[in-house]
């Protein structure tokens, strides 16, 4: 599941709004997305409490809106001619914090085994790190792999809804190999396993690209 390469397909939902907000500082939109991501993490955390699972739906909506703001700020910056390295840097920093806030809200809640939650956060952060590190050493910025940010936004929207619906009909958790697991833990397991695989994949791609550059230099 690789959706980062399909971002241009949602431009129809960004451009009209960006044109109306062309006089708004893109950084303010970035801040709004970050604050919303923080609140989303809080909502996910408290959704595990008794009779508060409805907050999963609220959190899912907040993930989508936060992700929209994350894409909107860059679109506004380009239309207004304000795109630059400072904005790009701020965007990457805020993205990582947003990931930690939203995924951490699930990871440290009663929904998730804490060890699985930590592995999921490691997978997500390493995926992003390997992409930006490639750029830092002069290789092309990497979006390749099985788990990009757009994928995480989609999964973080769908699985809370699935958890809420399946919980309502009595199938909020199930047993695998003697372990009881719920739908949010399935999502976190995906982040943990596929996130780390994506980090390794990006590392291999960058290593090979650097090797080719060295061969050309000789």
N, C-alpha and C. Protein backbone atom coordinates (compact mmCIF):
# COMPACT_ATOMS: atom_id res chain seq x y z
N UNK A 1 0.85 -1.20 0.00
CA UNK A 1 0.00 0.00 0.00
C UNK A 1 0.88 1.24 0.00
N UNK A 2 1.01 1.88 -1.12
CA UNK A 2 1.87 3.06 -1.23
C UNK A 2 1.06 4.21 -1.83
N UNK A 3 0.66 5.13 -0.98
CA UNK A 3 -0.21 6.21 -1.42
C UNK A 3 0.52 7.54 -1.60
N UNK A 4 1.77 7.62 -1.12
CA UNK A 4 2.50 8.89 -1.23
C UNK A 4 2.67 9.32 -2.68
N UNK A 5 2.78 8.34 -3.58
CA UNK A 5 2.94 8.68 -4.99
C UNK A 5 1.65 9.12 -5.66
N UNK A 6 0.54 9.06 -4.92
CA UNK A 6 -0.76 9.42 -5.49
C UNK A 6 -1.28 10.76 -4.98
N UNK A 7 -0.40 11.53 -4.35
CA UNK A 7 -0.86 12.78 -3.73
C UNK A 7 -1.44 13.76 -4.75
N UNK A 8 -0.93 13.73 -5.97
CA UNK A 8 -1.43 14.66 -6.99
C UNK A 8 -2.91 14.43 -7.30
N UNK A 9 -3.39 13.23 -7.01
CA UNK A 9 -4.78 12.89 -7.31
C UNK A 9 -5.77 13.62 -6.39
N UNK A 10 -5.29 14.12 -5.25
CA UNK A 10 -6.19 14.82 -4.33
C UNK A 10 -6.06 16.33 -4.45
N UNK A 11 -5.34 16.77 -5.48
CA UNK A 11 -5.15 18.21 -5.66
C UNK A 11 -6.46 18.94 -5.88
N UNK A 12 -7.47 18.23 -6.42
CA UNK A 12 -8.77 18.86 -6.66
C UNK A 12 -9.41 19.32 -5.35
N UNK A 13 -9.05 18.66 -4.23
CA UNK A 13 -9.61 19.03 -2.93
C UNK A 13 -8.76 20.08 -2.22
N UNK A 14 -7.56 20.32 -2.73
CA UNK A 14 -6.65 21.26 -2.08
C UNK A 14 -6.61 22.62 -2.77
N UNK A 15 -6.55 22.61 -4.10
CA UNK A 15 -6.34 23.84 -4.84
C UNK A 15 -7.40 24.91 -4.59
N UNK A 16 -8.71 24.59 -4.64
CA UNK A 16 -9.72 25.64 -4.41
C UNK A 16 -9.59 26.28 -3.03
N UNK A 17 -9.33 25.46 -2.01
CA UNK A 17 -9.19 26.00 -0.65
C UNK A 17 -7.91 26.81 -0.53
N UNK A 18 -6.83 26.31 -1.13
CA UNK A 18 -5.54 27.01 -1.08
C UNK A 18 -5.65 28.37 -1.75
N UNK A 19 -6.39 28.45 -2.85
CA UNK A 19 -6.56 29.73 -3.55
C UNK A 19 -7.30 30.74 -2.69
N UNK A 20 -8.27 30.28 -1.91
CA UNK A 20 -9.01 31.19 -1.04
C UNK A 20 -8.20 31.59 0.19
N UNK A 21 -7.20 30.77 0.53
CA UNK A 21 -6.38 31.06 1.71
C UNK A 21 -4.98 31.52 1.33
N UNK A 22 -4.83 32.07 0.12
CA UNK A 22 -3.51 32.41 -0.39
C UNK A 22 -2.82 33.50 0.44
N UNK A 23 -3.60 34.29 1.17
CA UNK A 23 -3.01 35.34 2.01
C UNK A 23 -2.73 34.87 3.43
N UNK A 24 -3.04 33.61 3.71
CA UNK A 24 -2.79 33.04 5.04
C UNK A 24 -1.36 32.51 5.09
N UNK A 25 -0.67 32.75 6.18
CA UNK A 25 0.69 32.24 6.36
C UNK A 25 0.64 30.70 6.40
N UNK A 26 1.33 30.02 5.48
CA UNK A 26 1.30 28.55 5.46
C UNK A 26 1.73 27.92 6.78
N UNK A 27 2.63 28.60 7.50
CA UNK A 27 3.10 28.06 8.78
C UNK A 27 1.98 27.99 9.80
N UNK A 28 1.02 28.91 9.71
CA UNK A 28 -0.13 28.89 10.62
C UNK A 28 -0.99 27.66 10.36
N UNK A 29 -1.10 27.28 9.09
CA UNK A 29 -1.85 26.07 8.74
C UNK A 29 -1.11 24.84 9.28
N UNK A 30 0.23 24.87 9.18
CA UNK A 30 1.04 23.77 9.72
C UNK A 30 0.83 23.63 11.23
N UNK A 31 0.82 24.77 11.92
CA UNK A 31 0.59 24.75 13.36
C UNK A 31 -0.79 24.20 13.70
N UNK A 32 -1.78 24.59 12.91
CA UNK A 32 -3.15 24.11 13.16
C UNK A 32 -3.21 22.59 13.02
N UNK A 33 -2.53 22.06 12.01
CA UNK A 33 -2.49 20.62 11.81
C UNK A 33 -1.79 19.91 12.96
N UNK A 34 -0.72 20.51 13.48
CA UNK A 34 0.02 19.91 14.58
C UNK A 34 -0.81 19.87 15.86
N UNK A 35 -1.47 20.98 16.17
CA UNK A 35 -2.31 21.05 17.36
C UNK A 35 -3.44 20.03 17.27
N UNK A 36 -4.01 19.91 16.08
CA UNK A 36 -5.09 18.94 15.88
C UNK A 36 -4.57 17.51 16.06
N UNK A 37 -3.35 17.25 15.60
CA UNK A 37 -2.76 15.92 15.78
C UNK A 37 -2.56 15.61 17.26
N UNK A 38 -2.14 16.61 18.03
CA UNK A 38 -1.98 16.42 19.47
C UNK A 38 -3.32 16.09 20.13
N UNK A 39 -4.34 16.85 19.78
CA UNK A 39 -5.68 16.59 20.33
C UNK A 39 -6.19 15.22 19.91
N UNK A 40 -5.86 14.84 18.69
CA UNK A 40 -6.26 13.53 18.18
C UNK A 40 -5.65 12.42 19.04
N UNK A 41 -4.38 12.56 19.39
CA UNK A 41 -3.73 11.57 20.24
C UNK A 41 -4.40 11.46 21.60
N UNK A 42 -4.79 12.60 22.15
CA UNK A 42 -5.50 12.62 23.44
C UNK A 42 -6.84 11.91 23.31
N UNK A 43 -7.55 12.17 22.22
CA UNK A 43 -8.85 11.54 21.98
C UNK A 43 -8.69 10.02 21.86
N UNK A 44 -7.70 9.57 21.11
CA UNK A 44 -7.47 8.13 20.97
C UNK A 44 -7.14 7.50 22.32
N UNK A 45 -6.35 8.20 23.12
CA UNK A 45 -5.97 7.67 24.43
C UNK A 45 -7.20 7.45 25.31
N UNK A 46 -8.07 8.43 25.37
CA UNK A 46 -9.25 8.33 26.24
C UNK A 46 -10.35 7.46 25.65
N UNK A 47 -10.27 7.16 24.36
CA UNK A 47 -11.30 6.32 23.73
C UNK A 47 -11.29 4.89 24.28
N UNK A 48 -10.19 4.49 24.94
CA UNK A 48 -10.10 3.14 25.49
C UNK A 48 -10.85 3.00 26.81
N UNK A 49 -11.29 4.10 27.38
CA UNK A 49 -12.00 4.04 28.65
C UNK A 49 -13.44 3.54 28.45
N UNK A 50 -14.02 3.06 29.51
CA UNK A 50 -15.37 2.50 29.45
C UNK A 50 -16.36 3.50 28.87
N UNK A 51 -17.15 3.01 27.91
CA UNK A 51 -18.22 3.79 27.28
C UNK A 51 -17.72 5.05 26.57
N UNK A 52 -16.44 5.07 26.20
CA UNK A 52 -15.92 6.23 25.48
C UNK A 52 -15.34 5.83 24.12
N UNK A 53 -15.69 4.62 23.66
CA UNK A 53 -15.15 4.17 22.38
C UNK A 53 -15.67 4.98 21.20
N UNK A 54 -16.74 5.75 21.40
CA UNK A 54 -17.23 6.62 20.34
C UNK A 54 -16.19 7.66 19.95
N UNK A 55 -15.24 7.90 20.84
CA UNK A 55 -14.16 8.85 20.54
C UNK A 55 -13.27 8.35 19.40
N UNK A 56 -13.34 7.04 19.12
CA UNK A 56 -12.58 6.51 17.98
C UNK A 56 -13.03 7.17 16.68
N UNK A 57 -14.32 7.39 16.54
CA UNK A 57 -14.84 8.04 15.34
C UNK A 57 -14.38 9.50 15.29
N UNK A 58 -14.42 10.15 16.45
CA UNK A 58 -13.96 11.54 16.53
C UNK A 58 -12.48 11.62 16.14
N UNK A 59 -11.69 10.69 16.68
CA UNK A 59 -10.27 10.66 16.37
C UNK A 59 -10.00 10.41 14.91
N UNK A 60 -10.78 9.51 14.29
CA UNK A 60 -10.60 9.21 12.87
C UNK A 60 -10.83 10.45 12.02
N UNK A 61 -11.84 11.22 12.36
CA UNK A 61 -12.12 12.46 11.64
C UNK A 61 -10.98 13.46 11.83
N UNK A 62 -10.45 13.51 13.03
CA UNK A 62 -9.36 14.44 13.32
C UNK A 62 -8.08 14.06 12.56
N UNK A 63 -7.86 12.76 12.36
CA UNK A 63 -6.70 12.32 11.57
C UNK A 63 -6.81 12.85 10.14
N UNK A 64 -7.99 12.72 9.56
CA UNK A 64 -8.21 13.17 8.19
C UNK A 64 -8.01 14.68 8.07
N UNK A 65 -8.58 15.44 9.01
CA UNK A 65 -8.47 16.90 8.96
C UNK A 65 -7.03 17.34 9.16
N UNK A 66 -6.32 16.70 10.11
CA UNK A 66 -4.92 17.03 10.34
C UNK A 66 -4.08 16.72 9.10
N UNK A 67 -4.36 15.58 8.47
CA UNK A 67 -3.64 15.23 7.24
C UNK A 67 -3.93 16.20 6.11
N UNK A 68 -5.17 16.69 6.08
CA UNK A 68 -5.55 17.67 5.05
C UNK A 68 -4.77 18.97 5.25
N UNK A 69 -4.68 19.43 6.50
CA UNK A 69 -3.90 20.63 6.80
C UNK A 69 -2.44 20.45 6.41
N UNK A 70 -1.93 19.24 6.64
CA UNK A 70 -0.53 18.94 6.32
C UNK A 70 -0.26 19.08 4.83
N UNK A 71 -1.24 18.71 4.01
CA UNK A 71 -1.08 18.85 2.56
C UNK A 71 -1.40 20.28 2.10
N UNK A 72 -2.33 20.92 2.81
CA UNK A 72 -2.78 22.25 2.41
C UNK A 72 -1.71 23.31 2.58
N UNK A 73 -0.92 23.21 3.64
CA UNK A 73 0.09 24.25 3.88
C UNK A 73 1.09 24.35 2.74
N UNK A 74 1.50 23.20 2.21
CA UNK A 74 2.44 23.20 1.09
C UNK A 74 1.82 23.75 -0.17
N UNK A 75 0.54 23.45 -0.38
CA UNK A 75 -0.16 23.95 -1.58
C UNK A 75 -0.31 25.47 -1.52
N UNK A 76 -0.60 26.00 -0.35
CA UNK A 76 -0.72 27.45 -0.18
C UNK A 76 0.64 28.11 -0.43
N UNK A 77 1.69 27.51 0.13
CA UNK A 77 3.03 28.07 -0.02
C UNK A 77 3.43 28.14 -1.49
N UNK A 78 3.12 27.12 -2.27
CA UNK A 78 3.47 27.10 -3.69
C UNK A 78 2.68 28.15 -4.46
N UNK A 79 1.39 28.26 -4.20
CA UNK A 79 0.56 29.24 -4.91
C UNK A 79 0.97 30.67 -4.58
N UNK A 80 1.38 30.88 -3.31
CA UNK A 80 1.74 32.24 -2.88
C UNK A 80 3.20 32.56 -3.14
N UNK A 81 3.96 31.60 -3.68
CA UNK A 81 5.37 31.82 -3.93
C UNK A 81 6.19 31.89 -2.66
N UNK A 82 5.72 31.23 -1.61
CA UNK A 82 6.41 31.27 -0.32
C UNK A 82 7.11 29.95 0.01
N UNK A 83 7.11 29.02 -0.94
CA UNK A 83 7.75 27.73 -0.68
C UNK A 83 9.26 27.92 -0.54
N UNK A 84 9.83 27.31 0.48
CA UNK A 84 11.27 27.44 0.69
C UNK A 84 11.77 26.37 1.63
N UNK A 85 13.06 26.39 1.89
CA UNK A 85 13.67 25.36 2.72
C UNK A 85 13.21 25.43 4.17
N UNK A 86 12.97 26.64 4.68
CA UNK A 86 12.52 26.77 6.06
C UNK A 86 11.14 26.14 6.24
N UNK A 87 10.25 26.40 5.30
CA UNK A 87 8.92 25.81 5.37
C UNK A 87 8.96 24.30 5.23
N UNK A 88 9.83 23.83 4.34
CA UNK A 88 9.96 22.38 4.14
C UNK A 88 10.50 21.72 5.40
N UNK A 89 11.46 22.35 6.03
CA UNK A 89 12.03 21.83 7.27
C UNK A 89 10.97 21.77 8.37
N UNK A 90 10.23 22.86 8.51
CA UNK A 90 9.18 22.91 9.53
C UNK A 90 8.13 21.84 9.28
N UNK A 91 7.81 21.62 8.03
CA UNK A 91 6.80 20.63 7.66
C UNK A 91 7.25 19.23 8.08
N UNK A 92 8.52 18.90 7.83
CA UNK A 92 9.05 17.58 8.20
C UNK A 92 9.06 17.39 9.71
N UNK A 93 9.45 18.44 10.43
CA UNK A 93 9.49 18.35 11.90
C UNK A 93 8.09 18.13 12.44
N UNK A 94 7.14 18.92 11.95
CA UNK A 94 5.75 18.81 12.42
C UNK A 94 5.14 17.45 12.07
N UNK A 95 5.52 16.93 10.91
CA UNK A 95 5.01 15.60 10.50
C UNK A 95 5.43 14.54 11.50
N UNK A 96 6.69 14.61 11.95
CA UNK A 96 7.16 13.59 12.89
C UNK A 96 6.46 13.73 14.23
N UNK A 97 6.28 14.95 14.68
CA UNK A 97 5.54 15.14 15.93
C UNK A 97 4.10 14.67 15.80
N UNK A 98 3.50 14.96 14.66
CA UNK A 98 2.12 14.53 14.43
C UNK A 98 2.01 13.01 14.46
N UNK A 99 2.98 12.33 13.86
CA UNK A 99 3.00 10.86 13.89
C UNK A 99 3.06 10.36 15.34
N UNK A 100 3.96 10.95 16.12
CA UNK A 100 4.13 10.52 17.51
C UNK A 100 2.86 10.79 18.31
N UNK A 101 2.26 11.95 18.12
CA UNK A 101 1.05 12.29 18.86
C UNK A 101 -0.09 11.32 18.56
N UNK A 102 -0.38 11.12 17.26
CA UNK A 102 -1.54 10.32 16.89
C UNK A 102 -1.34 8.83 17.15
N UNK A 103 -0.20 8.30 16.72
CA UNK A 103 0.07 6.88 16.92
C UNK A 103 0.38 6.60 18.38
N UNK A 104 1.04 7.56 19.04
CA UNK A 104 1.33 7.40 20.46
C UNK A 104 0.07 7.37 21.30
N UNK A 105 -0.98 8.09 20.86
CA UNK A 105 -2.24 8.07 21.59
C UNK A 105 -2.82 6.67 21.69
N UNK A 106 -2.63 5.89 20.62
CA UNK A 106 -3.06 4.49 20.62
C UNK A 106 -2.04 3.62 21.36
N UNK A 107 -0.76 3.88 21.09
CA UNK A 107 0.32 3.04 21.63
C UNK A 107 0.30 2.99 23.16
N UNK A 108 -0.01 4.12 23.80
CA UNK A 108 0.05 4.18 25.26
C UNK A 108 -1.33 4.09 25.92
N UNK A 109 -2.32 3.75 25.13
CA UNK A 109 -3.67 3.59 25.66
C UNK A 109 -3.91 2.13 26.02
N UNK A 110 -5.07 1.86 26.62
CA UNK A 110 -5.43 0.49 26.98
C UNK A 110 -5.76 -0.35 25.76
N UNK A 111 -5.82 0.27 24.58
CA UNK A 111 -6.09 -0.49 23.36
C UNK A 111 -4.92 -1.37 22.96
N UNK A 112 -3.73 -0.99 23.36
CA UNK A 112 -2.53 -1.58 22.76
C UNK A 112 -1.54 -2.10 23.79
N UNK A 113 -0.92 -3.23 23.47
CA UNK A 113 0.20 -3.71 24.25
C UNK A 113 1.32 -2.67 24.15
N UNK A 114 1.87 -2.21 25.28
CA UNK A 114 2.87 -1.12 25.22
C UNK A 114 4.12 -1.47 24.43
N UNK A 115 4.54 -2.74 24.45
CA UNK A 115 5.72 -3.14 23.69
C UNK A 115 5.45 -3.06 22.18
N UNK A 116 4.25 -3.48 21.80
CA UNK A 116 3.85 -3.37 20.40
C UNK A 116 3.77 -1.91 20.00
N UNK A 117 3.25 -1.09 20.90
CA UNK A 117 3.14 0.34 20.63
C UNK A 117 4.49 0.98 20.38
N UNK A 118 5.49 0.60 21.20
CA UNK A 118 6.84 1.16 21.02
C UNK A 118 7.45 0.71 19.69
N UNK A 119 7.24 -0.55 19.33
CA UNK A 119 7.77 -1.05 18.06
C UNK A 119 7.11 -0.33 16.88
N UNK A 120 5.81 -0.03 17.01
CA UNK A 120 5.11 0.70 15.95
C UNK A 120 5.69 2.10 15.78
N UNK A 121 5.93 2.79 16.89
CA UNK A 121 6.51 4.13 16.83
C UNK A 121 7.91 4.10 16.23
N UNK A 122 8.70 3.10 16.61
CA UNK A 122 10.05 2.96 16.05
C UNK A 122 9.97 2.76 14.54
N UNK A 123 9.06 1.88 14.10
CA UNK A 123 8.92 1.61 12.67
C UNK A 123 8.54 2.85 11.89
N UNK A 124 7.59 3.61 12.43
CA UNK A 124 7.13 4.83 11.75
C UNK A 124 8.23 5.87 11.68
N UNK A 125 8.92 6.09 12.79
CA UNK A 125 9.97 7.11 12.83
C UNK A 125 11.16 6.72 11.97
N UNK A 126 11.53 5.45 11.97
CA UNK A 126 12.66 5.01 11.15
C UNK A 126 12.33 5.11 9.66
N UNK A 127 11.09 4.83 9.31
CA UNK A 127 10.67 4.97 7.91
C UNK A 127 10.92 6.38 7.42
N UNK A 128 10.47 7.35 8.19
CA UNK A 128 10.64 8.75 7.80
C UNK A 128 12.10 9.17 7.86
N UNK A 129 12.81 8.70 8.88
CA UNK A 129 14.23 9.07 9.02
C UNK A 129 15.04 8.61 7.82
N UNK A 130 14.82 7.38 7.37
CA UNK A 130 15.59 6.85 6.25
C UNK A 130 15.32 7.63 4.97
N UNK A 131 14.10 8.15 4.83
CA UNK A 131 13.78 8.96 3.66
C UNK A 131 14.49 10.29 3.66
N UNK A 132 14.45 10.98 4.80
CA UNK A 132 15.08 12.31 4.89
C UNK A 132 16.60 12.20 5.00
N UNK A 133 17.10 11.13 5.60
CA UNK A 133 18.55 10.95 5.71
C UNK A 133 19.17 10.77 4.33
N UNK A 134 18.45 10.11 3.45
CA UNK A 134 18.94 9.96 2.07
C UNK A 134 19.17 11.33 1.45
N UNK A 135 18.21 12.21 1.66
CA UNK A 135 18.32 13.57 1.12
C UNK A 135 19.47 14.33 1.78
N UNK A 136 19.66 14.08 3.07
CA UNK A 136 20.69 14.81 3.82
C UNK A 136 22.10 14.52 3.32
N UNK A 137 22.31 13.32 2.79
CA UNK A 137 23.65 12.96 2.32
C UNK A 137 23.80 13.12 0.81
N UNK A 138 22.82 13.79 0.21
CA UNK A 138 22.95 14.12 -1.21
C UNK A 138 22.24 13.18 -2.16
N UNK A 139 21.61 12.11 -1.63
CA UNK A 139 20.83 11.21 -2.48
C UNK A 139 19.43 11.78 -2.66
N UNK A 140 18.66 11.30 -3.62
CA UNK A 140 17.30 11.80 -3.80
C UNK A 140 16.43 11.51 -2.58
N UNK A 141 15.50 12.44 -2.28
CA UNK A 141 14.55 12.24 -1.18
C UNK A 141 13.69 11.02 -1.50
N UNK A 142 13.60 10.10 -0.54
CA UNK A 142 12.92 8.83 -0.78
C UNK A 142 11.50 8.82 -0.23
N UNK A 143 10.56 8.44 -1.07
CA UNK A 143 9.18 8.18 -0.64
C UNK A 143 8.81 6.73 -0.92
N UNK A 144 9.78 5.96 -1.42
CA UNK A 144 9.51 4.57 -1.77
C UNK A 144 9.25 3.73 -0.53
N UNK A 145 8.57 2.60 -0.73
CA UNK A 145 8.35 1.68 0.37
C UNK A 145 6.89 1.37 0.57
N UNK A 146 6.64 0.48 1.51
CA UNK A 146 5.29 -0.02 1.75
C UNK A 146 4.48 0.83 2.71
N UNK A 147 5.16 1.73 3.43
CA UNK A 147 4.44 2.50 4.45
C UNK A 147 4.90 3.95 4.46
N UNK A 148 4.29 4.77 3.61
CA UNK A 148 4.56 6.20 3.60
C UNK A 148 3.61 6.94 4.52
N UNK A 149 3.77 8.25 4.64
CA UNK A 149 2.91 9.02 5.54
C UNK A 149 1.46 8.98 5.11
N UNK A 150 1.22 9.06 3.81
CA UNK A 150 -0.17 9.01 3.34
C UNK A 150 -0.83 7.68 3.72
N UNK A 151 -0.07 6.60 3.65
CA UNK A 151 -0.58 5.29 4.06
C UNK A 151 -0.95 5.30 5.54
N UNK A 152 -0.08 5.91 6.35
CA UNK A 152 -0.34 5.95 7.79
C UNK A 152 -1.59 6.74 8.11
N UNK A 153 -1.81 7.83 7.38
CA UNK A 153 -3.01 8.64 7.61
C UNK A 153 -4.26 7.83 7.28
N UNK A 154 -4.24 7.13 6.15
CA UNK A 154 -5.40 6.33 5.75
C UNK A 154 -5.68 5.22 6.75
N UNK A 155 -4.62 4.49 7.14
CA UNK A 155 -4.79 3.38 8.09
C UNK A 155 -5.23 3.89 9.46
N UNK A 156 -4.70 5.05 9.88
CA UNK A 156 -5.07 5.62 11.18
C UNK A 156 -6.49 6.16 11.18
N UNK A 157 -7.06 6.31 10.00
CA UNK A 157 -8.47 6.70 9.89
C UNK A 157 -9.37 5.48 9.85
N UNK A 158 -8.98 4.49 9.06
CA UNK A 158 -9.83 3.31 8.85
C UNK A 158 -9.91 2.40 10.08
N UNK A 159 -8.78 2.12 10.70
CA UNK A 159 -8.79 1.12 11.77
C UNK A 159 -9.53 1.56 13.03
N UNK A 160 -9.47 2.83 13.44
CA UNK A 160 -10.33 3.23 14.56
C UNK A 160 -11.82 3.04 14.24
N UNK A 161 -12.21 3.31 13.00
CA UNK A 161 -13.61 3.10 12.61
C UNK A 161 -13.94 1.62 12.65
N UNK A 162 -13.02 0.79 12.12
CA UNK A 162 -13.23 -0.66 12.15
C UNK A 162 -13.33 -1.15 13.59
N UNK A 163 -12.47 -0.65 14.46
CA UNK A 163 -12.50 -1.05 15.87
C UNK A 163 -13.84 -0.70 16.51
N UNK A 164 -14.33 0.49 16.22
CA UNK A 164 -15.61 0.92 16.80
C UNK A 164 -16.77 0.06 16.29
N UNK A 165 -16.81 -0.15 14.98
CA UNK A 165 -17.91 -0.92 14.39
C UNK A 165 -17.87 -2.38 14.84
N UNK A 166 -16.70 -2.99 14.78
CA UNK A 166 -16.58 -4.39 15.17
C UNK A 166 -16.83 -4.57 16.66
N UNK A 167 -16.42 -3.59 17.46
CA UNK A 167 -16.69 -3.65 18.89
C UNK A 167 -18.17 -3.58 19.18
N UNK A 168 -18.89 -2.77 18.38
CA UNK A 168 -20.33 -2.61 18.57
C UNK A 168 -21.10 -3.90 18.29
N UNK A 169 -20.56 -4.74 17.40
CA UNK A 169 -21.26 -5.99 17.05
C UNK A 169 -20.65 -7.19 17.78
N UNK A 170 -19.75 -6.92 18.73
CA UNK A 170 -19.22 -7.99 19.55
C UNK A 170 -17.97 -8.66 19.04
N UNK A 171 -17.30 -8.06 18.05
CA UNK A 171 -16.08 -8.64 17.50
C UNK A 171 -14.92 -7.64 17.56
N UNK A 172 -14.82 -6.97 18.67
CA UNK A 172 -13.78 -5.97 18.82
C UNK A 172 -12.39 -6.56 18.97
N UNK A 173 -12.32 -7.84 19.32
CA UNK A 173 -11.02 -8.52 19.42
C UNK A 173 -11.20 -9.98 19.02
N UNK A 174 -10.08 -10.62 18.75
CA UNK A 174 -10.11 -12.03 18.34
C UNK A 174 -8.79 -12.67 18.75
N UNK A 175 -8.72 -13.98 18.65
CA UNK A 175 -7.54 -14.70 19.11
C UNK A 175 -6.71 -15.22 17.94
N UNK A 176 -5.40 -15.00 18.04
CA UNK A 176 -4.45 -15.52 17.05
C UNK A 176 -3.31 -16.20 17.80
N UNK A 177 -3.13 -17.47 17.56
CA UNK A 177 -2.05 -18.25 18.17
C UNK A 177 -2.05 -18.12 19.70
N UNK A 178 -3.24 -18.08 20.25
CA UNK A 178 -3.36 -18.00 21.70
C UNK A 178 -3.30 -16.61 22.27
N UNK A 179 -3.13 -15.58 21.41
CA UNK A 179 -3.06 -14.20 21.87
C UNK A 179 -4.32 -13.45 21.47
N UNK A 180 -4.86 -12.71 22.42
CA UNK A 180 -6.03 -11.89 22.15
C UNK A 180 -5.57 -10.56 21.55
N UNK A 181 -6.10 -10.20 20.41
CA UNK A 181 -5.67 -8.99 19.71
C UNK A 181 -6.87 -8.23 19.18
N UNK A 182 -6.85 -6.92 19.26
CA UNK A 182 -7.96 -6.12 18.72
C UNK A 182 -7.52 -5.47 17.41
N UNK A 183 -8.46 -4.77 16.78
CA UNK A 183 -8.21 -4.24 15.44
C UNK A 183 -7.19 -3.11 15.45
N UNK A 184 -7.15 -2.33 16.51
CA UNK A 184 -6.13 -1.28 16.59
C UNK A 184 -4.74 -1.88 16.75
N UNK A 185 -4.65 -3.02 17.43
CA UNK A 185 -3.35 -3.68 17.54
C UNK A 185 -2.92 -4.28 16.20
N UNK A 186 -3.88 -4.66 15.37
CA UNK A 186 -3.54 -5.11 14.02
C UNK A 186 -2.87 -3.96 13.26
N UNK A 187 -3.44 -2.76 13.40
CA UNK A 187 -2.85 -1.58 12.75
C UNK A 187 -1.44 -1.32 13.29
N UNK A 188 -1.28 -1.41 14.60
CA UNK A 188 0.03 -1.14 15.20
C UNK A 188 1.04 -2.21 14.81
N UNK A 189 0.58 -3.46 14.67
CA UNK A 189 1.46 -4.52 14.22
C UNK A 189 1.94 -4.25 12.80
N UNK A 190 1.04 -3.73 11.97
CA UNK A 190 1.41 -3.36 10.59
C UNK A 190 2.45 -2.25 10.60
N UNK A 191 2.25 -1.25 11.44
CA UNK A 191 3.22 -0.17 11.54
C UNK A 191 4.58 -0.70 12.02
N UNK A 192 4.55 -1.61 12.98
CA UNK A 192 5.79 -2.13 13.55
C UNK A 192 6.57 -2.96 12.52
N UNK A 193 5.88 -3.88 11.87
CA UNK A 193 6.56 -4.79 10.94
C UNK A 193 6.87 -4.10 9.61
N UNK A 194 5.83 -3.56 8.98
CA UNK A 194 6.00 -2.97 7.65
C UNK A 194 6.80 -1.67 7.73
N UNK A 195 6.65 -0.94 8.83
CA UNK A 195 7.43 0.28 8.99
C UNK A 195 8.92 -0.01 8.99
N UNK A 196 9.32 -1.00 9.76
CA UNK A 196 10.74 -1.34 9.80
C UNK A 196 11.22 -1.95 8.48
N UNK A 197 10.37 -2.72 7.82
CA UNK A 197 10.73 -3.26 6.50
C UNK A 197 10.91 -2.13 5.49
N UNK A 198 10.05 -1.11 5.57
CA UNK A 198 10.16 0.03 4.67
C UNK A 198 11.45 0.79 4.94
N UNK A 199 11.82 0.94 6.21
CA UNK A 199 13.08 1.61 6.56
C UNK A 199 14.27 0.86 5.96
N UNK A 200 14.25 -0.46 6.08
CA UNK A 200 15.32 -1.28 5.50
C UNK A 200 15.33 -1.15 3.98
N UNK A 201 14.15 -1.18 3.37
CA UNK A 201 14.03 -1.04 1.92
C UNK A 201 14.62 0.28 1.45
N UNK A 202 14.30 1.36 2.15
CA UNK A 202 14.83 2.67 1.77
C UNK A 202 16.34 2.74 1.97
N UNK A 203 16.82 2.08 3.02
CA UNK A 203 18.25 2.05 3.26
C UNK A 203 19.00 1.34 2.13
N UNK A 204 18.44 0.25 1.65
CA UNK A 204 19.05 -0.50 0.56
C UNK A 204 19.05 0.32 -0.73
N UNK A 205 17.93 0.99 -1.01
CA UNK A 205 17.83 1.82 -2.22
C UNK A 205 18.86 2.93 -2.19
N UNK A 206 19.00 3.59 -1.03
CA UNK A 206 19.97 4.68 -0.90
C UNK A 206 21.40 4.16 -1.03
N UNK A 207 21.68 3.03 -0.41
CA UNK A 207 23.02 2.44 -0.46
C UNK A 207 23.42 2.13 -1.91
N UNK A 208 22.48 1.57 -2.65
CA UNK A 208 22.77 1.23 -4.05
C UNK A 208 22.95 2.49 -4.89
N UNK A 209 22.13 3.52 -4.61
CA UNK A 209 22.26 4.77 -5.35
C UNK A 209 23.61 5.43 -5.09
N UNK A 210 24.07 5.40 -3.85
CA UNK A 210 25.38 5.96 -3.51
C UNK A 210 26.50 5.17 -4.16
N UNK A 211 26.32 3.85 -4.23
CA UNK A 211 27.32 3.01 -4.88
C UNK A 211 27.47 3.35 -6.35
N UNK A 212 26.35 3.60 -7.02
CA UNK A 212 26.39 3.96 -8.43
C UNK A 212 27.07 5.31 -8.63
N UNK A 213 26.82 6.25 -7.69
CA UNK A 213 27.46 7.57 -7.79
C UNK A 213 28.98 7.44 -7.63
N UNK A 214 29.40 6.57 -6.71
CA UNK A 214 30.84 6.37 -6.51
C UNK A 214 31.50 5.76 -7.74
N UNK A 215 30.78 4.83 -8.40
CA UNK A 215 31.31 4.21 -9.62
C UNK A 215 31.48 5.24 -10.73
N UNK A 216 30.52 6.16 -10.84
CA UNK A 216 30.62 7.21 -11.84
C UNK A 216 31.77 8.15 -11.58
N UNK A 217 32.08 8.34 -10.28
CA UNK A 217 33.15 9.27 -9.92
C UNK A 217 34.54 8.75 -10.17
N UNK A 218 34.67 7.44 -10.34
CA UNK A 218 36.01 6.85 -10.57
C UNK A 218 36.40 6.90 -12.04
